[in-house]
Amino acid sequence: MVPQTLLEGNNSFALVAVPFFVLAGDILARGGISERIVAFAEAGLGRVRGGLSIVSVLASMLIAAISGSGAATTAAVGASLLPDLKEKKYDVDFSAALIASAGTIGVVIPPSVPMVLYAVIAGESVSRLFMGGFIPGILMGAGLIGWALYVAKKRNYPAGEKLPGKEVWKRFLSATWGLMAPVIILGGIFSGVFTPSEAAAIAVVYTVLVAVFVYKALDFKKFYKLVVGSGVTSALIMFIIATAKLFGWGLAFYQIPQAIAGAIISLAHNIPFLVYLMIAVIILLAGMFMETASALIILTPIFIPAVLGVGGNLTHFGVVLTVGLAIGMATPPVAINIYVASAITGLPMGKISKPIIPMILILILVMFVCLYVPDIVLFLPRLIMK
């Protein structure tokens, strides 16, 4: 049973998307694409007081629509913007915290590797999950922008100089190739031209072509290193998926999910509000201490019976689960986005962890709003994918 179950864990066409989205995110960060997207966002908003903070969040949202990875989004935006933020007298710890927290949007706005994993486990539509992630991702970005503007006013951060229209247009044209990536990827998925797995492969081909032939920022040596690095990352994720399948088989054999679901429902007296509250707290705690893919693969089969037991919707739950675990990427002690921001800035994790607390609270508030108002998540899937 062990080798059969391990092999079965990776034997899903939808999982083809995982290594391709990982590689696309790496190419995006190191192929000159993210730099041009950030430069264009800065041209439009850099002149507002604290405008570079807004640019950090907006750039994260744009890059999230290509990478599918929180760490890749944090790395791409951090490497491009943190030197500018430092030069213009922004507090480096606050800026690093903002970019790390905005990086969580990377797995909420589609495409999203965790959503692909959830879809495989729960038997849900990847396209519906992707569509459901748009509004929560935008709400997360809006909350962080609001906080960034408040801090900018309080600390009197400088306003950037207004660039001439010609320069803004020039930067827009330069970024157009990068901005077209999410249009092609998501447009193809939602129009039914290709599947999410095929879209991941197309994302790689498109980003390689742009990085090599348009921006000329990627040569064979760099590309080889990216492929090897992405291969290692993908192997780790796929190994986790395979072993989690074995874990899930054990859970199912001993009917543990049903027992846990029964315990949660009885403790919450079958009240959906309390059931969701208990699940949300467990998700947030798991995100703090576990790697995202591992937590998602372990928690999904445990919580699905409880969610269905109170009449919940699996698309809604999948998006909320992704948001909750995404918040864990920026919540110590196991906070991959803070590690990335720390590596870029040279600041210790403790320096970044303090200013990130209010940002985490804002993201948790968004999660609970999405949890208790399902229409926020389900509006677009119902409207577009009837």
Protein backbone atom coordinates (compact mmCIF):
# COMPACT_ATOMS: atom_id res chain seq x y z
CA MET A 1 0.00 0.00 0.00
CA VAL A 2 2.80 2.43 0.83
CA PRO A 3 4.53 2.64 -2.59
CA GLN A 4 1.18 2.48 -4.43
CA THR A 5 -0.27 5.34 -2.36
CA LEU A 6 2.90 7.44 -2.70
CA LEU A 7 2.80 7.10 -6.50
CA GLU A 8 -0.93 7.79 -6.59
CA GLY A 9 -0.34 11.02 -4.63
CA ASN A 10 1.55 12.54 -7.56
CA ASN A 11 -0.50 10.87 -10.31
CA SER A 12 -2.74 13.83 -11.15
CA PHE A 13 -2.71 15.95 -14.31
CA ALA A 14 -3.62 19.06 -12.28
CA LEU A 15 -0.31 18.77 -10.37
CA VAL A 16 1.61 19.44 -13.61
CA ALA A 17 0.86 23.10 -12.82
CA VAL A 18 3.01 23.07 -9.67
CA PRO A 19 6.56 22.87 -11.15
CA PHE A 20 5.62 25.13 -14.05
CA PHE A 21 4.22 27.91 -11.84
CA VAL A 22 7.28 27.63 -9.56
CA LEU A 23 9.57 28.08 -12.59
CA ALA A 24 7.44 30.91 -14.03
CA GLY A 25 7.69 32.75 -10.69
CA ASP A 26 11.49 32.41 -10.67
CA ILE A 27 11.80 33.65 -14.27
CA LEU A 28 9.51 36.56 -13.43
CA ALA A 29 11.72 37.58 -10.50
CA ARG A 30 15.05 37.27 -12.32
CA GLY A 31 14.16 37.84 -15.96
CA GLY A 32 13.65 41.61 -15.86
CA ILE A 33 9.84 41.35 -15.97
CA SER A 34 9.08 42.25 -12.35
CA GLU A 35 11.49 45.22 -12.46
CA ARG A 36 9.59 46.82 -15.34
CA ILE A 37 6.19 46.23 -13.74
CA VAL A 38 7.46 47.89 -10.53
CA ALA A 39 8.96 50.81 -12.51
CA PHE A 40 5.63 51.42 -14.25
CA ALA A 41 3.68 51.29 -10.96
CA GLU A 42 6.19 53.74 -9.45
CA ALA A 43 5.77 56.14 -12.37
CA GLY A 44 2.04 56.31 -11.76
CA LEU A 45 1.95 56.48 -7.95
CA GLY A 46 5.43 57.42 -6.77
CA ARG A 47 4.54 61.12 -6.53
CA VAL A 48 1.89 60.54 -3.80
CA ARG A 49 3.08 60.93 -0.20
CA GLY A 50 4.14 57.44 0.78
CA GLY A 51 3.55 56.45 -2.83
CA LEU A 52 6.33 53.87 -2.88
CA SER A 53 4.49 51.97 -0.14
CA ILE A 54 1.39 51.85 -2.36
CA VAL A 55 3.59 50.75 -5.27
CA SER A 56 4.92 47.88 -3.11
CA VAL A 57 1.40 46.51 -2.60
CA LEU A 58 0.12 47.15 -6.14
CA ALA A 59 3.24 45.62 -7.68
CA SER A 60 2.74 42.57 -5.45
CA MET A 61 -0.85 42.24 -6.69
CA LEU A 62 0.23 42.49 -10.34
CA ILE A 63 3.10 40.02 -9.93
CA ALA A 64 0.80 37.69 -7.95
CA ALA A 65 -1.27 37.33 -11.13
CA ILE A 66 1.75 35.71 -12.81
CA SER A 67 3.80 33.89 -10.18
CA GLY A 68 1.34 31.86 -8.05
CA SER A 69 3.87 31.95 -5.19
CA GLY A 70 4.11 34.16 -2.10
CA ALA A 71 7.87 33.83 -1.74
CA ALA A 72 8.46 34.59 -5.45
CA THR A 73 6.24 37.69 -5.20
CA THR A 74 8.09 38.92 -2.10
CA ALA A 75 11.48 38.31 -3.72
CA ALA A 76 10.53 40.05 -7.00
CA VAL A 77 9.07 43.18 -5.37
CA GLY A 78 11.65 43.32 -2.58
CA ALA A 79 14.64 43.12 -4.91
CA SER A 80 13.18 45.81 -7.18
CA LEU A 81 11.83 48.30 -4.62
CA LEU A 82 13.71 48.03 -1.33
CA PRO A 83 16.83 49.89 -2.59
CA ASP A 84 14.59 52.80 -3.72
CA LEU A 85 12.65 52.78 -0.44
CA LYS A 86 15.91 52.94 1.52
CA GLU A 87 17.31 55.74 -0.65
CA LYS A 88 14.15 57.85 -0.20
CA LYS A 89 14.33 57.60 3.61
CA TYR A 90 11.51 55.12 4.17
CA ASP A 91 11.98 53.03 7.32
CA VAL A 92 13.55 49.82 6.05
CA ASP A 93 11.91 47.60 8.69
CA PHE A 94 8.42 48.93 7.84
CA SER A 95 9.05 48.64 4.09
CA ALA A 96 10.33 45.07 4.42
CA ALA A 97 7.31 44.16 6.59
CA LEU A 98 4.90 45.70 4.06
CA ILE A 99 6.46 43.80 1.14
CA ALA A 100 6.47 40.54 3.14
CA SER A 101 2.79 40.94 4.08
CA ALA A 102 1.85 41.97 0.51
CA GLY A 103 3.64 38.84 -0.70
CA THR A 104 0.85 36.78 0.91
CA ILE A 105 -1.43 38.01 -1.88
CA GLY A 106 0.76 35.98 -4.27
CA VAL A 107 -1.15 32.77 -3.53
CA VAL A 108 -4.62 34.33 -3.26
CA ILE A 109 -4.89 36.24 -6.55
CA PRO A 110 -4.75 33.53 -9.24
CA PRO A 111 -2.88 31.60 -10.40
CA SER A 112 -2.17 29.90 -7.08
CA VAL A 113 -0.20 26.73 -6.34
CA PRO A 114 -2.05 26.07 -3.01
CA MET A 115 -5.41 26.35 -4.79
CA VAL A 116 -4.28 23.74 -7.32
CA LEU A 117 -3.32 21.41 -4.45
CA TYR A 118 -6.67 22.00 -2.70
CA ALA A 119 -8.57 21.35 -5.93
CA VAL A 120 -6.82 17.97 -6.36
CA ILE A 121 -7.58 16.89 -2.76
CA ALA A 122 -11.15 18.23 -2.54
CA GLY A 123 -12.17 17.38 -6.11
CA GLU A 124 -13.08 21.01 -6.78
CA SER A 125 -12.74 23.04 -9.98
CA VAL A 126 -9.39 24.87 -10.19
CA SER A 127 -11.02 27.57 -12.35
CA ARG A 128 -13.76 28.24 -9.76
CA LEU A 129 -11.17 28.51 -7.00
CA PHE A 130 -9.06 30.89 -9.10
CA MET A 131 -12.10 33.05 -9.82
CA GLY A 132 -13.02 33.08 -6.12
CA GLY A 133 -9.57 34.38 -5.15
CA PHE A 134 -9.82 37.72 -6.97
CA ILE A 135 -11.99 39.73 -4.56
CA PRO A 136 -10.30 38.48 -1.33
CA GLY A 137 -6.89 39.28 -2.89
CA ILE A 138 -8.03 42.79 -3.81
CA LEU A 139 -9.43 43.31 -0.28
CA MET A 140 -6.10 42.21 1.23
CA GLY A 141 -4.27 44.70 -1.01
CA ALA A 142 -6.72 47.52 -0.21
CA GLY A 143 -6.31 46.94 3.54
CA LEU A 144 -2.51 47.05 3.31
CA ILE A 145 -2.60 50.19 1.13
CA GLY A 146 -4.84 51.92 3.70
CA TRP A 147 -2.38 51.09 6.49
CA ALA A 148 0.60 52.16 4.36
CA LEU A 149 -1.01 55.58 3.69
CA TYR A 150 -1.74 56.04 7.41
CA VAL A 151 1.87 55.27 8.36
CA ALA A 152 3.21 57.49 5.54
CA LYS A 153 1.21 60.45 6.84
CA LYS A 154 2.16 59.77 10.46
CA ARG A 155 5.90 59.46 9.69
CA ASN A 156 5.88 62.14 7.02
CA TYR A 157 7.33 59.98 4.27
CA PRO A 158 8.36 61.98 1.19
CA ALA A 159 6.33 62.34 -1.98
CA GLY A 160 8.19 61.40 -5.14
CA GLU A 161 8.72 63.77 -8.01
CA LYS A 162 6.11 63.88 -10.75
CA LEU A 163 7.42 62.23 -13.89
CA PRO A 164 6.56 63.71 -17.30
CA GLY A 165 3.84 61.94 -19.26
CA LYS A 166 6.39 60.85 -21.84
CA GLU A 167 8.39 58.93 -19.20
CA VAL A 168 5.23 57.32 -17.76
CA TRP A 169 4.24 56.20 -21.26
CA LYS A 170 7.74 54.87 -21.90
CA ARG A 171 7.63 52.80 -18.71
CA PHE A 172 4.17 51.53 -19.57
CA LEU A 173 5.34 50.36 -23.00
CA SER A 174 8.36 48.69 -21.39
CA ALA A 175 6.12 46.88 -18.88
CA THR A 176 3.45 45.90 -21.42
CA TRP A 177 5.00 42.52 -22.17
CA GLY A 178 5.00 41.66 -18.45
CA LEU A 179 1.48 43.03 -17.89
CA MET A 180 0.19 40.87 -20.76
CA ALA A 181 1.23 37.69 -18.93
CA PRO A 182 -1.73 37.57 -16.48
CA VAL A 183 -4.10 38.56 -19.31
CA ILE A 184 -2.94 35.60 -21.42
CA ILE A 185 -2.76 33.12 -18.50
CA LEU A 186 -6.03 33.97 -16.76
CA GLY A 187 -7.89 34.90 -19.95
CA GLY A 188 -7.03 31.51 -21.44
CA ILE A 189 -8.18 29.64 -18.32
CA PHE A 190 -11.51 31.44 -17.87
CA SER A 191 -12.35 31.44 -21.57
CA GLY A 192 -11.78 27.69 -21.71
CA VAL A 193 -8.97 27.89 -24.29
CA PHE A 194 -6.67 25.89 -22.02
CA THR A 195 -6.73 24.22 -18.61
CA PRO A 196 -4.93 25.63 -15.52
CA SER A 197 -2.22 22.96 -15.96
CA GLU A 198 -1.69 23.96 -19.59
CA ALA A 199 -1.75 27.63 -18.51
CA ALA A 200 1.19 26.97 -16.19
CA ALA A 201 3.26 25.62 -19.10
CA ILE A 202 2.21 28.58 -21.26
CA ALA A 203 3.27 30.93 -18.44
CA VAL A 204 6.78 29.44 -18.54
CA VAL A 205 7.05 29.64 -22.33
CA TYR A 206 5.77 33.23 -22.37
CA THR A 207 8.03 34.48 -19.55
CA VAL A 208 11.08 32.79 -21.13
CA LEU A 209 10.38 34.38 -24.53
CA VAL A 210 9.90 37.83 -22.97
CA ALA A 211 12.96 37.54 -20.68
CA VAL A 212 15.26 36.23 -23.45
CA PHE A 213 14.14 37.98 -26.63
CA VAL A 214 12.37 41.16 -25.47
CA TYR A 215 14.17 42.23 -22.28
CA LYS A 216 17.39 40.27 -23.01
CA ALA A 217 17.85 39.72 -19.26
CA LEU A 218 18.13 35.93 -19.33
CA ASP A 219 20.92 33.88 -20.89
CA PHE A 220 21.37 30.10 -20.97
CA LYS A 221 23.55 30.03 -17.84
CA LYS A 222 20.97 31.97 -15.76
CA PHE A 223 18.10 29.92 -17.19
CA TYR A 224 19.89 26.66 -16.31
CA LYS A 225 20.32 27.82 -12.70
CA LEU A 226 16.63 28.80 -12.52
CA VAL A 227 15.52 25.41 -13.86
CA VAL A 228 17.73 23.54 -11.35
CA GLY A 229 16.51 25.72 -8.44
CA SER A 230 12.87 25.35 -9.47
CA GLY A 231 13.38 21.61 -9.90
CA VAL A 232 14.61 21.29 -6.31
CA THR A 233 11.70 23.36 -4.97
CA SER A 234 9.18 21.38 -7.05
CA ALA A 235 10.67 18.06 -5.92
CA LEU A 236 10.22 19.08 -2.27
CA ILE A 237 6.58 20.08 -2.89
CA MET A 238 5.81 16.89 -4.85
CA PHE A 239 7.42 14.72 -2.17
CA ILE A 240 5.26 16.44 0.47
CA ILE A 241 2.17 15.80 -1.69
CA ALA A 242 3.07 12.10 -2.12
CA THR A 243 3.64 11.50 1.59
CA ALA A 244 0.56 13.55 2.50
CA LYS A 245 -1.49 11.21 0.28
CA LEU A 246 -0.25 8.32 2.41
CA PHE A 247 -1.12 10.30 5.54
CA GLY A 248 -4.58 11.02 4.10
CA TRP A 249 -5.08 7.31 3.35
CA GLY A 250 -4.29 6.52 6.98
CA LEU A 251 -6.73 9.18 8.18
CA ALA A 252 -9.47 7.81 5.94
CA PHE A 253 -8.80 4.18 6.95
CA TYR A 254 -9.25 5.00 10.64
CA GLN A 255 -12.09 7.52 9.93
CA ILE A 256 -10.23 10.26 11.79
CA PRO A 257 -11.63 13.20 9.72
CA GLN A 258 -15.18 12.10 10.53
CA ALA A 259 -14.30 11.82 14.22
CA ILE A 260 -12.70 15.30 14.25
CA ALA A 261 -15.62 16.77 12.28
CA GLY A 262 -18.05 15.21 14.77
CA ALA A 263 -16.06 16.62 17.70
CA ILE A 264 -15.93 20.13 16.19
CA ILE A 265 -19.64 20.13 15.35
CA SER A 266 -20.63 18.83 18.80
CA LEU A 267 -18.34 21.29 20.62
CA ALA A 268 -19.77 24.13 18.52
CA HIS A 269 -23.30 22.76 19.06
CA ASN A 270 -23.75 22.47 15.28
CA ILE A 271 -23.72 26.28 14.97
CA PRO A 272 -22.00 27.22 11.68
CA PHE A 273 -20.60 30.47 13.15
CA LEU A 274 -18.75 28.59 15.91
CA VAL A 275 -17.67 25.73 13.63
CA TYR A 276 -16.08 28.20 11.20
CA LEU A 277 -14.47 30.10 14.08
CA MET A 278 -12.81 26.96 15.45
CA ILE A 279 -11.60 25.95 11.98
CA ALA A 280 -10.27 29.47 11.25
CA VAL A 281 -8.25 29.57 14.50
CA ILE A 282 -6.71 26.15 13.73
CA ILE A 283 -5.84 27.27 10.17
CA LEU A 284 -4.11 30.44 11.42
CA LEU A 285 -2.15 28.50 14.07
CA ALA A 286 -1.15 25.83 11.53
CA GLY A 287 0.02 28.53 9.11
CA MET A 288 2.30 29.94 11.80
CA PHE A 289 4.13 26.68 12.40
CA MET A 290 3.84 24.67 9.16
CA GLU A 291 4.89 25.07 5.54
CA THR A 292 1.86 26.09 3.44
CA ALA A 293 1.63 23.04 1.16
CA SER A 294 2.04 20.61 4.09
CA ALA A 295 -0.61 22.37 6.19
CA LEU A 296 -3.08 22.54 3.30
CA ILE A 297 -2.67 18.88 2.37
CA ILE A 298 -3.07 17.73 5.98
CA LEU A 299 -5.94 20.04 6.98
CA THR A 300 -8.12 19.76 3.86
CA PRO A 301 -9.33 16.16 4.34
CA ILE A 302 -9.77 16.78 8.08
CA PHE A 303 -11.99 19.86 7.75
CA ILE A 304 -14.06 19.04 4.66
CA PRO A 305 -16.50 16.75 6.56
CA ALA A 306 -17.05 19.48 9.18
CA VAL A 307 -17.62 22.16 6.51
CA LEU A 308 -20.08 19.94 4.62
CA GLY A 309 -21.73 19.03 7.93
CA VAL A 310 -22.86 22.63 8.43
CA GLY A 311 -23.84 23.14 4.78
CA GLY A 312 -20.65 24.89 3.69
CA ASN A 313 -19.42 25.40 0.12
CA LEU A 314 -16.08 23.76 -0.80
CA THR A 315 -15.05 26.53 -3.21
CA HIS A 316 -15.65 29.14 -0.49
CA PHE A 317 -13.77 27.05 2.09
CA GLY A 318 -10.85 26.44 -0.29
CA VAL A 319 -10.32 30.16 -0.86
CA VAL A 320 -10.60 30.98 2.87
CA LEU A 321 -8.19 28.13 3.71
CA THR A 322 -5.71 29.53 1.16
CA VAL A 323 -6.04 33.05 2.62
CA GLY A 324 -5.50 31.75 6.17
CA LEU A 325 -2.41 29.73 5.27
CA ALA A 326 -1.11 32.62 3.14
CA ILE A 327 -1.20 34.83 6.25
CA GLY A 328 1.03 32.21 7.91
CA MET A 329 3.70 33.00 5.28
CA ALA A 330 4.20 36.36 7.02
CA THR A 331 3.56 35.24 10.61
CA PRO A 332 6.56 34.13 12.74
CA PRO A 333 8.08 31.75 13.62
CA VAL A 334 7.83 29.92 10.25
CA ALA A 335 7.34 32.90 7.93
CA ILE A 336 8.90 32.31 4.52
CA ASN A 337 8.07 35.84 3.29
CA ILE A 338 9.85 37.42 6.26
CA TYR A 339 12.88 35.18 5.64
CA VAL A 340 12.96 36.41 2.01
CA ALA A 341 12.61 40.07 3.05
CA SER A 342 15.29 39.56 5.72
CA ALA A 343 17.69 38.07 3.17
CA ILE A 344 17.18 41.02 0.80
CA THR A 345 17.51 43.76 3.45
CA GLY A 346 20.01 42.13 5.79
CA LEU A 347 17.70 42.93 8.74
CA PRO A 348 17.14 40.25 11.40
CA MET A 349 13.68 38.65 11.44
CA GLY A 350 12.88 40.27 14.79
CA LYS A 351 13.20 43.78 13.29
CA ILE A 352 10.67 42.95 10.56
CA SER A 353 8.32 40.98 12.82
CA LYS A 354 7.33 43.95 14.99
CA PRO A 355 6.03 46.35 12.29
CA ILE A 356 4.28 43.48 10.48
CA ILE A 357 1.85 42.83 13.39
CA PRO A 358 -0.82 45.44 12.41
CA MET A 359 -0.60 44.28 8.78
CA ILE A 360 -1.22 40.67 9.85
CA LEU A 361 -4.24 41.82 11.89
CA ILE A 362 -5.64 43.59 8.79
CA LEU A 363 -5.19 40.42 6.72
CA ILE A 364 -6.87 38.32 9.44
CA LEU A 365 -9.81 40.76 9.43
CA VAL A 366 -10.15 40.29 5.65
CA MET A 367 -10.05 36.50 6.15
CA PHE A 368 -12.91 36.61 8.68
CA VAL A 369 -14.98 38.92 6.47
CA CYS A 370 -14.56 36.43 3.59
CA LEU A 371 -15.30 33.53 5.94
CA TYR A 372 -18.59 34.91 7.25
CA VAL A 373 -19.74 36.61 4.02
CA PRO A 374 -19.38 33.76 1.48
CA ASP A 375 -20.82 35.89 -1.35
CA ILE A 376 -17.55 37.87 -1.42
CA VAL A 377 -15.75 34.70 -2.53
CA LEU A 378 -18.56 33.13 -4.56
CA PHE A 379 -19.77 36.25 -6.42
CA LEU A 380 -17.44 35.91 -9.42
CA PRO A 381 -17.62 32.09 -9.74
CA ARG A 382 -21.43 32.30 -9.74
CA LEU A 383 -21.52 35.25 -12.11
CA ILE A 384 -19.04 34.02 -14.72
CA MET A 385 -18.93 30.22 -14.32
CA LYS A 386 -22.58 29.17 -14.15
